[in-house]
Amino acid sequence: MAWQLLVSSDFGLFSLVTILLVIAIGVGFWWFFRSRIAEEDEQGGRKGG
């Protein structure tokens, strides 16, 4: 019943889109910070004082 309500009602679809968007943003942040950390490690750590 919950799955049927999730995909058949307007509020359920908005909730599903929101959940997927939050997951996508989380993956995007993870990828971004992981690439920045790898880039910083290649350059020899922190710059400056």
PDB file of N, CA and C in Angstrom:
ATOM      1  N   MET A   1       0.821  -1.190   0.000  1.00  0.00           N
ATOM      2  CA  MET A   1       0.000   0.000   0.000  1.00  0.00           C
ATOM      3  C   MET A   1       0.873   1.265   0.000  1.00  0.00           C
ATOM      4  N   ALA A   2       1.933   1.272   0.774  1.00  0.00           N
ATOM      5  CA  ALA A   2       2.769   2.470   0.835  1.00  0.00           C
ATOM      6  C   ALA A   2       3.439   2.732  -0.515  1.00  0.00           C
ATOM      7  N   TRP A   3       3.907   1.660  -1.169  1.00  0.00           N
ATOM      8  CA  TRP A   3       4.556   1.844  -2.474  1.00  0.00           C
ATOM      9  C   TRP A   3       3.554   2.352  -3.501  1.00  0.00           C
ATOM     10  N   GLN A   4       2.330   1.852  -3.453  1.00  0.00           N
ATOM     11  CA  GLN A   4       1.297   2.292  -4.390  1.00  0.00           C
ATOM     12  C   GLN A   4       0.973   3.769  -4.163  1.00  0.00           C
ATOM     13  N   LEU A   5       0.903   4.192  -2.921  1.00  0.00           N
ATOM     14  CA  LEU A   5       0.640   5.584  -2.596  1.00  0.00           C
ATOM     15  C   LEU A   5       1.807   6.473  -3.012  1.00  0.00           C
ATOM     16  N   LEU A   6       3.028   5.949  -2.885  1.00  0.00           N
ATOM     17  CA  LEU A   6       4.219   6.716  -3.239  1.00  0.00           C
ATOM     18  C   LEU A   6       4.260   7.032  -4.729  1.00  0.00           C
ATOM     19  N   VAL A   7       3.853   6.110  -5.565  1.00  0.00           N
ATOM     20  CA  VAL A   7       3.963   6.327  -7.012  1.00  0.00           C
ATOM     21  C   VAL A   7       2.670   6.763  -7.668  1.00  0.00           C
ATOM     22  N   SER A   8       1.577   6.797  -6.932  1.00  0.00           N
ATOM     23  CA  SER A   8       0.312   7.135  -7.571  1.00  0.00           C
ATOM     24  C   SER A   8      -0.252   8.499  -7.165  1.00  0.00           C
ATOM     25  N   SER A   9       0.207   9.061  -6.055  1.00  0.00           N
ATOM     26  CA  SER A   9      -0.333  10.352  -5.627  1.00  0.00           C
ATOM     27  C   SER A   9       0.668  11.462  -5.932  1.00  0.00           C
ATOM     28  N   ASP A  10       0.167  12.681  -6.004  1.00  0.00           N
ATOM     29  CA  ASP A  10       1.028  13.831  -6.269  1.00  0.00           C
ATOM     30  C   ASP A  10       2.060  14.015  -5.155  1.00  0.00           C
ATOM     31  N   PHE A  11       1.605  13.931  -3.909  1.00  0.00           N
ATOM     32  CA  PHE A  11       2.522  14.100  -2.784  1.00  0.00           C
ATOM     33  C   PHE A  11       3.570  12.991  -2.748  1.00  0.00           C
ATOM     34  N   GLY A  12       3.168  11.801  -3.098  1.00  0.00           N
ATOM     35  CA  GLY A  12       4.112  10.697  -3.132  1.00  0.00           C
ATOM     36  C   GLY A  12       5.178  10.898  -4.196  1.00  0.00           C
ATOM     37  N   LEU A  13       4.760  11.364  -5.371  1.00  0.00           N
ATOM     38  CA  LEU A  13       5.725  11.607  -6.442  1.00  0.00           C
ATOM     39  C   LEU A  13       6.665  12.747  -6.094  1.00  0.00           C
ATOM     40  N   PHE A  14       6.141  13.807  -5.489  1.00  0.00           N
ATOM     41  CA  PHE A  14       7.006  14.912  -5.048  1.00  0.00           C
ATOM     42  C   PHE A  14       8.001  14.427  -4.002  1.00  0.00           C
ATOM     43  N   SER A  15       7.556  13.565  -3.097  1.00  0.00           N
ATOM     44  CA  SER A  15       8.448  13.005  -2.088  1.00  0.00           C
ATOM     45  C   SER A  15       9.522  12.147  -2.732  1.00  0.00           C
ATOM     46  N   LEU A  16       9.142  11.327  -3.693  1.00  0.00           N
ATOM     47  CA  LEU A  16      10.099  10.466  -4.380  1.00  0.00           C
ATOM     48  C   LEU A  16      11.139  11.289  -5.132  1.00  0.00           C
ATOM     49  N   VAL A  17      10.698  12.330  -5.821  1.00  0.00           N
ATOM     50  CA  VAL A  17      11.627  13.209  -6.532  1.00  0.00           C
ATOM     51  C   VAL A  17      12.567  13.894  -5.546  1.00  0.00           C
ATOM     52  N   THR A  18      12.045  14.337  -4.415  1.00  0.00           N
ATOM     53  CA  THR A  18      12.874  14.987  -3.399  1.00  0.00           C
ATOM     54  C   THR A  18      13.918  14.029  -2.838  1.00  0.00           C
ATOM     55  N   ILE A  19      13.507  12.809  -2.549  1.00  0.00           N
ATOM     56  CA  ILE A  19      14.443  11.810  -2.036  1.00  0.00           C
ATOM     57  C   ILE A  19      15.544  11.547  -3.048  1.00  0.00           C
ATOM     58  N   LEU A  20      15.183  11.369  -4.311  1.00  0.00           N
ATOM     59  CA  LEU A  20      16.182  11.113  -5.349  1.00  0.00           C
ATOM     60  C   LEU A  20      17.103  12.311  -5.545  1.00  0.00           C
ATOM     61  N   LEU A  21      16.562  13.516  -5.440  1.00  0.00           N
ATOM     62  CA  LEU A  21      17.374  14.719  -5.581  1.00  0.00           C
ATOM     63  C   LEU A  21      18.385  14.847  -4.438  1.00  0.00           C
ATOM     64  N   VAL A  22      17.955  14.554  -3.225  1.00  0.00           N
ATOM     65  CA  VAL A  22      18.862  14.619  -2.078  1.00  0.00           C
ATOM     66  C   VAL A  22      19.974  13.579  -2.221  1.00  0.00           C
ATOM     67  N   ILE A  23      19.636  12.392  -2.684  1.00  0.00           N
ATOM     68  CA  ILE A  23      20.652  11.362  -2.904  1.00  0.00           C
ATOM     69  C   ILE A  23      21.618  11.806  -3.989  1.00  0.00           C
ATOM     70  N   ALA A  24      21.121  12.384  -5.077  1.00  0.00           N
ATOM     71  CA  ALA A  24      21.986  12.850  -6.160  1.00  0.00           C
ATOM     72  C   ALA A  24      22.910  13.973  -5.693  1.00  0.00           C
ATOM     73  N   ILE A  25      22.404  14.884  -4.896  1.00  0.00           N
ATOM     74  CA  ILE A  25      23.238  15.966  -4.364  1.00  0.00           C
ATOM     75  C   ILE A  25      24.310  15.394  -3.447  1.00  0.00           C
ATOM     76  N   GLY A  26      23.950  14.427  -2.621  1.00  0.00           N
ATOM     77  CA  GLY A  26      24.922  13.788  -1.746  1.00  0.00           C
ATOM     78  C   GLY A  26      26.034  13.100  -2.525  1.00  0.00           C
ATOM     79  N   VAL A  27      25.673  12.394  -3.589  1.00  0.00           N
ATOM     80  CA  VAL A  27      26.679  11.741  -4.431  1.00  0.00           C
ATOM     81  C   VAL A  27      27.548  12.790  -5.118  1.00  0.00           C
ATOM     82  N   GLY A  28      26.937  13.882  -5.552  1.00  0.00           N
ATOM     83  CA  GLY A  28      27.701  14.954  -6.186  1.00  0.00           C
ATOM     84  C   GLY A  28      28.713  15.575  -5.239  1.00  0.00           C
ATOM     85  N   PHE A  29      28.306  15.838  -4.007  1.00  0.00           N
ATOM     86  CA  PHE A  29      29.238  16.374  -3.016  1.00  0.00           C
ATOM     87  C   PHE A  29      30.355  15.385  -2.725  1.00  0.00           C
ATOM     88  N   TRP A  30      29.994  14.101  -2.585  1.00  0.00           N
ATOM     89  CA  TRP A  30      30.995  13.073  -2.317  1.00  0.00           C
ATOM     90  C   TRP A  30      32.011  13.053  -3.454  1.00  0.00           C
ATOM     91  N   TRP A  31      31.578  13.050  -4.691  1.00  0.00           N
ATOM     92  CA  TRP A  31      32.483  13.019  -5.837  1.00  0.00           C
ATOM     93  C   TRP A  31      33.360  14.276  -5.877  1.00  0.00           C
ATOM     94  N   PHE A  32      32.751  15.437  -5.641  1.00  0.00           N
ATOM     95  CA  PHE A  32      33.484  16.698  -5.683  1.00  0.00           C
ATOM     96  C   PHE A  32      34.582  16.735  -4.628  1.00  0.00           C
ATOM     97  N   PHE A  33      34.255  16.428  -3.375  1.00  0.00           N
ATOM     98  CA  PHE A  33      35.237  16.479  -2.310  1.00  0.00           C
ATOM     99  C   PHE A  33      36.290  15.388  -2.457  1.00  0.00           C
ATOM    100  N   ARG A  34      35.897  14.236  -2.950  1.00  0.00           N
ATOM    101  CA  ARG A  34      36.875  13.178  -3.172  1.00  0.00           C
ATOM    102  C   ARG A  34      37.891  13.595  -4.235  1.00  0.00           C
ATOM    103  N   SER A  35      37.421  14.225  -5.308  1.00  0.00           N
ATOM    104  CA  SER A  35      38.360  14.666  -6.341  1.00  0.00           C
ATOM    105  C   SER A  35      39.251  15.794  -5.848  1.00  0.00           C
ATOM    106  N   ARG A  36      38.711  16.687  -5.011  1.00  0.00           N
ATOM    107  CA  ARG A  36      39.524  17.770  -4.451  1.00  0.00           C
ATOM    108  C   ARG A  36      40.597  17.229  -3.512  1.00  0.00           C
ATOM    109  N   ILE A  37      40.259  16.250  -2.698  1.00  0.00           N
ATOM    110  CA  ILE A  37      41.224  15.656  -1.782  1.00  0.00           C
ATOM    111  C   ILE A  37      42.319  14.952  -2.575  1.00  0.00           C
ATOM    112  N   ALA A  38      41.954  14.226  -3.621  1.00  0.00           N
ATOM    113  CA  ALA A  38      42.951  13.541  -4.444  1.00  0.00           C
ATOM    114  C   ALA A  38      43.859  14.558  -5.138  1.00  0.00           C
ATOM    115  N   GLU A  39      43.285  15.653  -5.601  1.00  0.00           N
ATOM    116  CA  GLU A  39      44.068  16.696  -6.251  1.00  0.00           C
ATOM    117  C   GLU A  39      45.056  17.321  -5.268  1.00  0.00           C
ATOM    118  N   GLU A  40      44.606  17.550  -4.046  1.00  0.00           N
ATOM    119  CA  GLU A  40      45.479  18.139  -3.025  1.00  0.00           C
ATOM    120  C   GLU A  40      46.593  17.162  -2.635  1.00  0.00           C
ATOM    121  N   ASP A  41      46.291  15.885  -2.577  1.00  0.00           N
ATOM    122  CA  ASP A  41      47.319  14.894  -2.258  1.00  0.00           C
ATOM    123  C   ASP A  41      48.387  14.827  -3.353  1.00  0.00           C
ATOM    124  N   GLU A  42      47.973  14.979  -4.609  1.00  0.00           N
ATOM    125  CA  GLU A  42      48.931  14.974  -5.701  1.00  0.00           C
ATOM    126  C   GLU A  42      49.880  16.178  -5.633  1.00  0.00           C
ATOM    127  N   GLN A  43      49.382  17.280  -5.105  1.00  0.00           N
ATOM    128  CA  GLN A  43      50.181  18.505  -5.028  1.00  0.00           C
ATOM    129  C   GLN A  43      51.055  18.544  -3.775  1.00  0.00           C
ATOM    130  N   GLY A  44      50.981  17.560  -2.953  1.00  0.00           N
ATOM    131  CA  GLY A  44      51.842  17.492  -1.780  1.00  0.00           C
ATOM    132  C   GLY A  44      51.239  18.068  -0.526  1.00  0.00           C
ATOM    133  N   GLY A  45      49.957  18.036  -0.393  1.00  0.00           N
ATOM    134  CA  GLY A  45      49.331  18.508   0.839  1.00  0.00           C
ATOM    135  C   GLY A  45      48.965  19.978   0.781  1.00  0.00           C
ATOM    136  N   ARG A  46      48.854  20.564   1.961  1.00  0.00           N
ATOM    137  CA  ARG A  46      48.409  21.945   2.062  1.00  0.00           C
ATOM    138  C   ARG A  46      49.459  22.930   1.576  1.00  0.00           C
ATOM    139  N   LYS A  47      48.950  24.015   1.047  1.00  0.00           N
ATOM    140  CA  LYS A  47      49.836  25.125   0.681  1.00  0.00           C
ATOM    141  C   LYS A  47      49.709  26.201   1.733  1.00  0.00           C
ATOM    142  N   GLY A  48      50.722  26.981   1.889  1.00  0.00           N
ATOM    143  CA  GLY A  48      50.654  28.108   2.815  1.00  0.00           C
ATOM    144  C   GLY A  48      51.218  27.764   4.177  1.00  0.00           C
ATOM    145  N   GLY A  49      50.930  28.668   5.113  1.00  0.00           N
ATOM    146  CA  GLY A  49      51.584  28.592   6.369  1.00  0.00           C
ATOM    147  C   GLY A  49      50.919  27.926   7.462  1.00  0.00           C
TER     148      GLY A  49
END
